[in-house]
Amino acid sequence: MITIILNGNKKNIEPETNLINLIEQLNLQKNSFAIAINEIFIPKSDYSSIKINENDHIEIVTAMQGG
């Protein structure tokens, strides 16, 4: 297992996990969020090719309605 920081909380995941795997594990609705790794937003087209590394800081940001 490797440890990441997901939205400010420690989380253990399997080594070699990519963003698509993480999205599936978290049961996120497709296209309802954006992901940044170590403060860099990742294009959705790259999710399957980005492997998550030990101590990565991942922020998942969802859109909010209102004003």
PDB file of N, CA and C in Angstrom:
ATOM      1  N   MET A   1       0.837  -1.187   0.000  1.00  0.00           N
ATOM      2  CA  MET A   1       0.000   0.000   0.000  1.00  0.00           C
ATOM      3  C   MET A   1       0.882   1.250   0.000  1.00  0.00           C
ATOM      4  N   ILE A   2       0.366   2.294  -0.618  1.00  0.00           N
ATOM      5  CA  ILE A   2       1.026   3.589  -0.551  1.00  0.00           C
ATOM      6  C   ILE A   2       0.061   4.569   0.117  1.00  0.00           C
ATOM      7  N   THR A   3       0.609   5.621   0.690  1.00  0.00           N
ATOM      8  CA  THR A   3      -0.207   6.624   1.370  1.00  0.00           C
ATOM      9  C   THR A   3      -0.229   7.898   0.543  1.00  0.00           C
ATOM     10  N   ILE A   4      -1.441   8.429   0.353  1.00  0.00           N
ATOM     11  CA  ILE A   4      -1.627   9.716  -0.323  1.00  0.00           C
ATOM     12  C   ILE A   4      -2.394  10.631   0.624  1.00  0.00           C
ATOM     13  N   ILE A   5      -2.456  11.888   0.276  1.00  0.00           N
ATOM     14  CA  ILE A   5      -3.304  12.844   0.992  1.00  0.00           C
ATOM     15  C   ILE A   5      -4.440  13.206   0.035  1.00  0.00           C
ATOM     16  N   LEU A   6      -5.646  12.795   0.387  1.00  0.00           N
ATOM     17  CA  LEU A   6      -6.822  13.014  -0.453  1.00  0.00           C
ATOM     18  C   LEU A   6      -7.727  14.019   0.235  1.00  0.00           C
ATOM     19  N   ASN A   7      -7.854  15.199  -0.366  1.00  0.00           N
ATOM     20  CA  ASN A   7      -8.665  16.286   0.210  1.00  0.00           C
ATOM     21  C   ASN A   7      -8.312  16.518   1.674  1.00  0.00           C
ATOM     22  N   GLY A   8      -7.004  16.508   1.965  1.00  0.00           N
ATOM     23  CA  GLY A   8      -6.524  16.819   3.302  1.00  0.00           C
ATOM     24  C   GLY A   8      -6.467  15.647   4.269  1.00  0.00           C
ATOM     25  N   ASN A   9      -6.892  14.460   3.845  1.00  0.00           N
ATOM     26  CA  ASN A   9      -6.904  13.286   4.724  1.00  0.00           C
ATOM     27  C   ASN A   9      -6.013  12.188   4.157  1.00  0.00           C
ATOM     28  N   LYS A  10      -5.299  11.489   5.059  1.00  0.00           N
ATOM     29  CA  LYS A  10      -4.476  10.376   4.610  1.00  0.00           C
ATOM     30  C   LYS A  10      -5.360   9.234   4.133  1.00  0.00           C
ATOM     31  N   LYS A  11      -4.915   8.598   3.034  1.00  0.00           N
ATOM     32  CA  LYS A  11      -5.647   7.454   2.489  1.00  0.00           C
ATOM     33  C   LYS A  11      -4.628   6.475   1.942  1.00  0.00           C
ATOM     34  N   ASN A  12      -4.835   5.189   2.208  1.00  0.00           N
ATOM     35  CA  ASN A  12      -3.976   4.150   1.664  1.00  0.00           C
ATOM     36  C   ASN A  12      -4.619   3.580   0.410  1.00  0.00           C
ATOM     37  N   ILE A  13      -3.811   3.440  -0.632  1.00  0.00           N
ATOM     38  CA  ILE A  13      -4.279   2.862  -1.891  1.00  0.00           C
ATOM     39  C   ILE A  13      -3.240   1.864  -2.382  1.00  0.00           C
ATOM     40  N   GLU A  14      -3.632   1.065  -3.342  1.00  0.00           N
ATOM     41  CA  GLU A  14      -2.730   0.086  -3.934  1.00  0.00           C
ATOM     42  C   GLU A  14      -1.683   0.795  -4.797  1.00  0.00           C
ATOM     43  N   PRO A  15      -0.452   0.279  -4.794  1.00  0.00           N
ATOM     44  CA  PRO A  15       0.557   0.818  -5.719  1.00  0.00           C
ATOM     45  C   PRO A  15       0.072   0.644  -7.158  1.00  0.00           C
ATOM     46  N   GLU A  16       0.561   1.473  -8.042  1.00  0.00           N
ATOM     47  CA  GLU A  16       0.209   1.428  -9.470  1.00  0.00           C
ATOM     48  C   GLU A  16      -1.236   1.862  -9.744  1.00  0.00           C
ATOM     49  N   THR A  17      -1.873   2.518  -8.778  1.00  0.00           N
ATOM     50  CA  THR A  17      -3.220   3.041  -9.001  1.00  0.00           C
ATOM     51  C   THR A  17      -3.128   4.276  -9.889  1.00  0.00           C
ATOM     52  N   ASN A  18      -4.008   4.354 -10.902  1.00  0.00           N
ATOM     53  CA  ASN A  18      -4.062   5.575 -11.707  1.00  0.00           C
ATOM     54  C   ASN A  18      -5.331   6.343 -11.329  1.00  0.00           C
ATOM     55  N   LEU A  19      -5.520   7.502 -11.931  1.00  0.00           N
ATOM     56  CA  LEU A  19      -6.671   8.334 -11.546  1.00  0.00           C
ATOM     57  C   LEU A  19      -8.000   7.667 -11.860  1.00  0.00           C
ATOM     58  N   ILE A  20      -8.078   6.924 -12.956  1.00  0.00           N
ATOM     59  CA  ILE A  20      -9.327   6.222 -13.295  1.00  0.00           C
ATOM     60  C   ILE A  20      -9.664   5.224 -12.193  1.00  0.00           C
ATOM     61  N   ASN A  21      -8.659   4.460 -11.728  1.00  0.00           N
ATOM     62  CA  ASN A  21      -8.886   3.497 -10.644  1.00  0.00           C
ATOM     63  C   ASN A  21      -9.375   4.209  -9.383  1.00  0.00           C
ATOM     64  N   LEU A  22      -8.754   5.336  -9.037  1.00  0.00           N
ATOM     65  CA  LEU A  22      -9.149   6.076  -7.844  1.00  0.00           C
ATOM     66  C   LEU A  22     -10.584   6.588  -7.966  1.00  0.00           C
ATOM     67  N   ILE A  23     -10.940   7.107  -9.110  1.00  0.00           N
ATOM     68  CA  ILE A  23     -12.304   7.594  -9.354  1.00  0.00           C
ATOM     69  C   ILE A  23     -13.309   6.464  -9.151  1.00  0.00           C
ATOM     70  N   GLU A  24     -12.979   5.277  -9.667  1.00  0.00           N
ATOM     71  CA  GLU A  24     -13.873   4.127  -9.509  1.00  0.00           C
ATOM     72  C   GLU A  24     -13.980   3.727  -8.044  1.00  0.00           C
ATOM     73  N   GLN A  25     -12.854   3.722  -7.317  1.00  0.00           N
ATOM     74  CA  GLN A  25     -12.868   3.349  -5.904  1.00  0.00           C
ATOM     75  C   GLN A  25     -13.713   4.309  -5.077  1.00  0.00           C
ATOM     76  N   LEU A  26     -13.711   5.576  -5.455  1.00  0.00           N
ATOM     77  CA  LEU A  26     -14.450   6.605  -4.714  1.00  0.00           C
ATOM     78  C   LEU A  26     -15.894   6.753  -5.186  1.00  0.00           C
ATOM     79  N   ASN A  27     -16.281   6.007  -6.226  1.00  0.00           N
ATOM     80  CA  ASN A  27     -17.645   6.058  -6.784  1.00  0.00           C
ATOM     81  C   ASN A  27     -18.052   7.468  -7.191  1.00  0.00           C
ATOM     82  N   LEU A  28     -17.144   8.192  -7.827  1.00  0.00           N
ATOM     83  CA  LEU A  28     -17.442   9.553  -8.268  1.00  0.00           C
ATOM     84  C   LEU A  28     -18.233   9.533  -9.575  1.00  0.00           C
ATOM     85  N   GLN A  29     -19.155  10.466  -9.706  1.00  0.00           N
ATOM     86  CA  GLN A  29     -19.925  10.595 -10.926  1.00  0.00           C
ATOM     87  C   GLN A  29     -19.057  11.232 -12.004  1.00  0.00           C
ATOM     88  N   LYS A  30     -19.027  10.630 -13.164  1.00  0.00           N
ATOM     89  CA  LYS A  30     -18.210  11.116 -14.266  1.00  0.00           C
ATOM     90  C   LYS A  30     -18.580  12.558 -14.613  1.00  0.00           C
ATOM     91  N   ASN A  31     -17.559  13.366 -14.871  1.00  0.00           N
ATOM     92  CA  ASN A  31     -17.691  14.758 -15.306  1.00  0.00           C
ATOM     93  C   ASN A  31     -18.268  15.707 -14.261  1.00  0.00           C
ATOM     94  N   SER A  32     -18.300  15.307 -12.989  1.00  0.00           N
ATOM     95  CA  SER A  32     -18.849  16.204 -11.967  1.00  0.00           C
ATOM     96  C   SER A  32     -17.763  16.776 -11.055  1.00  0.00           C
ATOM     97  N   PHE A  33     -16.497  16.707 -11.486  1.00  0.00           N
ATOM     98  CA  PHE A  33     -15.393  17.102 -10.625  1.00  0.00           C
ATOM     99  C   PHE A  33     -14.157  17.426 -11.461  1.00  0.00           C
ATOM    100  N   ALA A  34     -13.182  18.014 -10.794  1.00  0.00           N
ATOM    101  CA  ALA A  34     -11.847  18.220 -11.371  1.00  0.00           C
ATOM    102  C   ALA A  34     -10.852  17.685 -10.350  1.00  0.00           C
ATOM    103  N   ILE A  35      -9.694  17.244 -10.830  1.00  0.00           N
ATOM    104  CA  ILE A  35      -8.682  16.681  -9.941  1.00  0.00           C
ATOM    105  C   ILE A  35      -7.366  17.426 -10.118  1.00  0.00           C
ATOM    106  N   ALA A  36      -6.760  17.768  -8.966  1.00  0.00           N
ATOM    107  CA  ALA A  36      -5.420  18.351  -8.957  1.00  0.00           C
ATOM    108  C   ALA A  36      -4.512  17.418  -8.170  1.00  0.00           C
ATOM    109  N   ILE A  37      -3.321  17.195  -8.692  1.00  0.00           N
ATOM    110  CA  ILE A  37      -2.298  16.434  -7.977  1.00  0.00           C
ATOM    111  C   ILE A  37      -1.144  17.385  -7.720  1.00  0.00           C
ATOM    112  N   ASN A  38      -0.800  17.520  -6.451  1.00  0.00           N
ATOM    113  CA  ASN A  38       0.277  18.423  -6.045  1.00  0.00           C
ATOM    114  C   ASN A  38       0.088  19.819  -6.644  1.00  0.00           C
ATOM    115  N   GLU A  39      -1.171  20.288  -6.556  1.00  0.00           N
ATOM    116  CA  GLU A  39      -1.587  21.633  -6.974  1.00  0.00           C
ATOM    117  C   GLU A  39      -1.592  21.863  -8.486  1.00  0.00           C
ATOM    118  N   ILE A  40      -1.530  20.803  -9.278  1.00  0.00           N
ATOM    119  CA  ILE A  40      -1.597  20.923 -10.739  1.00  0.00           C
ATOM    120  C   ILE A  40      -2.848  20.190 -11.210  1.00  0.00           C
ATOM    121  N   PHE A  41      -3.770  20.937 -11.857  1.00  0.00           N
ATOM    122  CA  PHE A  41      -4.984  20.309 -12.365  1.00  0.00           C
ATOM    123  C   PHE A  41      -4.647  19.413 -13.549  1.00  0.00           C
ATOM    124  N   ILE A  42      -5.270  18.236 -13.559  1.00  0.00           N
ATOM    125  CA  ILE A  42      -5.000  17.215 -14.562  1.00  0.00           C
ATOM    126  C   ILE A  42      -6.153  17.189 -15.563  1.00  0.00           C
ATOM    127  N   PRO A  43      -5.846  17.265 -16.871  1.00  0.00           N
ATOM    128  CA  PRO A  43      -6.917  17.149 -17.867  1.00  0.00           C
ATOM    129  C   PRO A  43      -7.567  15.768 -17.812  1.00  0.00           C
ATOM    130  N   LYS A  44      -8.873  15.722 -17.993  1.00  0.00           N
ATOM    131  CA  LYS A  44      -9.589  14.443 -17.956  1.00  0.00           C
ATOM    132  C   LYS A  44      -9.013  13.443 -18.956  1.00  0.00           C
ATOM    133  N   SER A  45      -8.512  13.916 -20.060  1.00  0.00           N
ATOM    134  CA  SER A  45      -7.955  13.016 -21.077  1.00  0.00           C
ATOM    135  C   SER A  45      -6.694  12.295 -20.588  1.00  0.00           C
ATOM    136  N   ASP A  46      -6.085  12.777 -19.513  1.00  0.00           N
ATOM    137  CA  ASP A  46      -4.864  12.156 -18.978  1.00  0.00           C
ATOM    138  C   ASP A  46      -5.122  11.238 -17.784  1.00  0.00           C
ATOM    139  N   TYR A  47      -6.360  11.138 -17.314  1.00  0.00           N
ATOM    140  CA  TYR A  47      -6.642  10.379 -16.090  1.00  0.00           C
ATOM    141  C   TYR A  47      -6.131   8.940 -16.154  1.00  0.00           C
ATOM    142  N   SER A  48      -6.269   8.278 -17.274  1.00  0.00           N
ATOM    143  CA  SER A  48      -5.868   6.869 -17.337  1.00  0.00           C
ATOM    144  C   SER A  48      -4.353   6.691 -17.372  1.00  0.00           C
ATOM    145  N   SER A  49      -3.622   7.719 -17.759  1.00  0.00           N
ATOM    146  CA  SER A  49      -2.167   7.583 -17.866  1.00  0.00           C
ATOM    147  C   SER A  49      -1.402   8.125 -16.663  1.00  0.00           C
ATOM    148  N   ILE A  50      -2.095   8.785 -15.732  1.00  0.00           N
ATOM    149  CA  ILE A  50      -1.436   9.369 -14.560  1.00  0.00           C
ATOM    150  C   ILE A  50      -1.446   8.359 -13.420  1.00  0.00           C
ATOM    151  N   LYS A  51      -0.266   7.898 -13.043  1.00  0.00           N
ATOM    152  CA  LYS A  51      -0.139   6.998 -11.898  1.00  0.00           C
ATOM    153  C   LYS A  51       0.035   7.831 -10.629  1.00  0.00           C
ATOM    154  N   ILE A  52      -0.592   7.388  -9.556  1.00  0.00           N
ATOM    155  CA  ILE A  52      -0.522   8.085  -8.283  1.00  0.00           C
ATOM    156  C   ILE A  52       0.689   7.566  -7.514  1.00  0.00           C
ATOM    157  N   ASN A  53       1.442   8.486  -6.935  1.00  0.00           N
ATOM    158  CA  ASN A  53       2.671   8.144  -6.220  1.00  0.00           C
ATOM    159  C   ASN A  53       2.532   8.369  -4.726  1.00  0.00           C
ATOM    160  N   GLU A  54       3.401   7.721  -3.967  1.00  0.00           N
ATOM    161  CA  GLU A  54       3.467   7.886  -2.515  1.00  0.00           C
ATOM    162  C   GLU A  54       3.528   9.375  -2.165  1.00  0.00           C
ATOM    163  N   ASN A  55       2.737   9.783  -1.193  1.00  0.00           N
ATOM    164  CA  ASN A  55       2.690  11.151  -0.669  1.00  0.00           C
ATOM    165  C   ASN A  55       2.133  12.191  -1.635  1.00  0.00           C
ATOM    166  N   ASP A  56       1.530  11.779  -2.747  1.00  0.00           N
ATOM    167  CA  ASP A  56       0.864  12.753  -3.616  1.00  0.00           C
ATOM    168  C   ASP A  56      -0.266  13.416  -2.837  1.00  0.00           C
ATOM    169  N   HIS A  57      -0.442  14.705  -3.063  1.00  0.00           N
ATOM    170  CA  HIS A  57      -1.547  15.464  -2.497  1.00  0.00           C
ATOM    171  C   HIS A  57      -2.586  15.624  -3.594  1.00  0.00           C
ATOM    172  N   ILE A  58      -3.717  14.976  -3.417  1.00  0.00           N
ATOM    173  CA  ILE A  58      -4.772  14.972  -4.435  1.00  0.00           C
ATOM    174  C   ILE A  58      -5.978  15.724  -3.899  1.00  0.00           C
ATOM    175  N   GLU A  59      -6.440  16.676  -4.685  1.00  0.00           N
ATOM    176  CA  GLU A  59      -7.650  17.418  -4.355  1.00  0.00           C
ATOM    177  C   GLU A  59      -8.688  17.130  -5.426  1.00  0.00           C
ATOM    178  N   ILE A  60      -9.858  16.747  -4.981  1.00  0.00           N
ATOM    179  CA  ILE A  60     -10.990  16.524  -5.892  1.00  0.00           C
ATOM    180  C   ILE A  60     -11.969  17.658  -5.625  1.00  0.00           C
ATOM    181  N   VAL A  61     -12.219  18.448  -6.659  1.00  0.00           N
ATOM    182  CA  VAL A  61     -13.043  19.641  -6.547  1.00  0.00           C
ATOM    183  C   VAL A  61     -14.324  19.431  -7.336  1.00  0.00           C
ATOM    184  N   THR A  62     -15.457  19.649  -6.682  1.00  0.00           N
ATOM    185  CA  THR A  62     -16.744  19.514  -7.363  1.00  0.00           C
ATOM    186  C   THR A  62     -17.358  20.894  -7.582  1.00  0.00           C
ATOM    187  N   ALA A  63     -18.156  20.990  -8.622  1.00  0.00           N
ATOM    188  CA  ALA A  63     -18.829  22.246  -8.928  1.00  0.00           C
ATOM    189  C   ALA A  63     -19.970  22.468  -7.936  1.00  0.00           C
ATOM    190  N   MET A  64     -20.184  23.728  -7.593  1.00  0.00           N
ATOM    191  CA  MET A  64     -21.290  24.075  -6.692  1.00  0.00           C
ATOM    192  C   MET A  64     -22.194  25.077  -7.394  1.00  0.00           C
ATOM    193  N   GLN A  65     -23.495  24.926  -7.196  1.00  0.00           N
ATOM    194  CA  GLN A  65     -24.446  25.884  -7.747  1.00  0.00           C
ATOM    195  C   GLN A  65     -24.672  27.004  -6.750  1.00  0.00           C
ATOM    196  N   GLY A  66     -25.107  28.095  -7.269  1.00  0.00           N
ATOM    197  CA  GLY A  66     -25.402  29.223  -6.377  1.00  0.00           C
ATOM    198  C   GLY A  66     -24.574  30.422  -6.746  1.00  0.00           C
ATOM    199  N   GLY A  67     -24.625  31.421  -5.929  1.00  0.00           N
ATOM    200  CA  GLY A  67     -23.866  32.597  -6.294  1.00  0.00           C
ATOM    201  C   GLY A  67     -23.620  33.525  -5.192  1.00  0.00           C
TER     202      GLY A  67
END
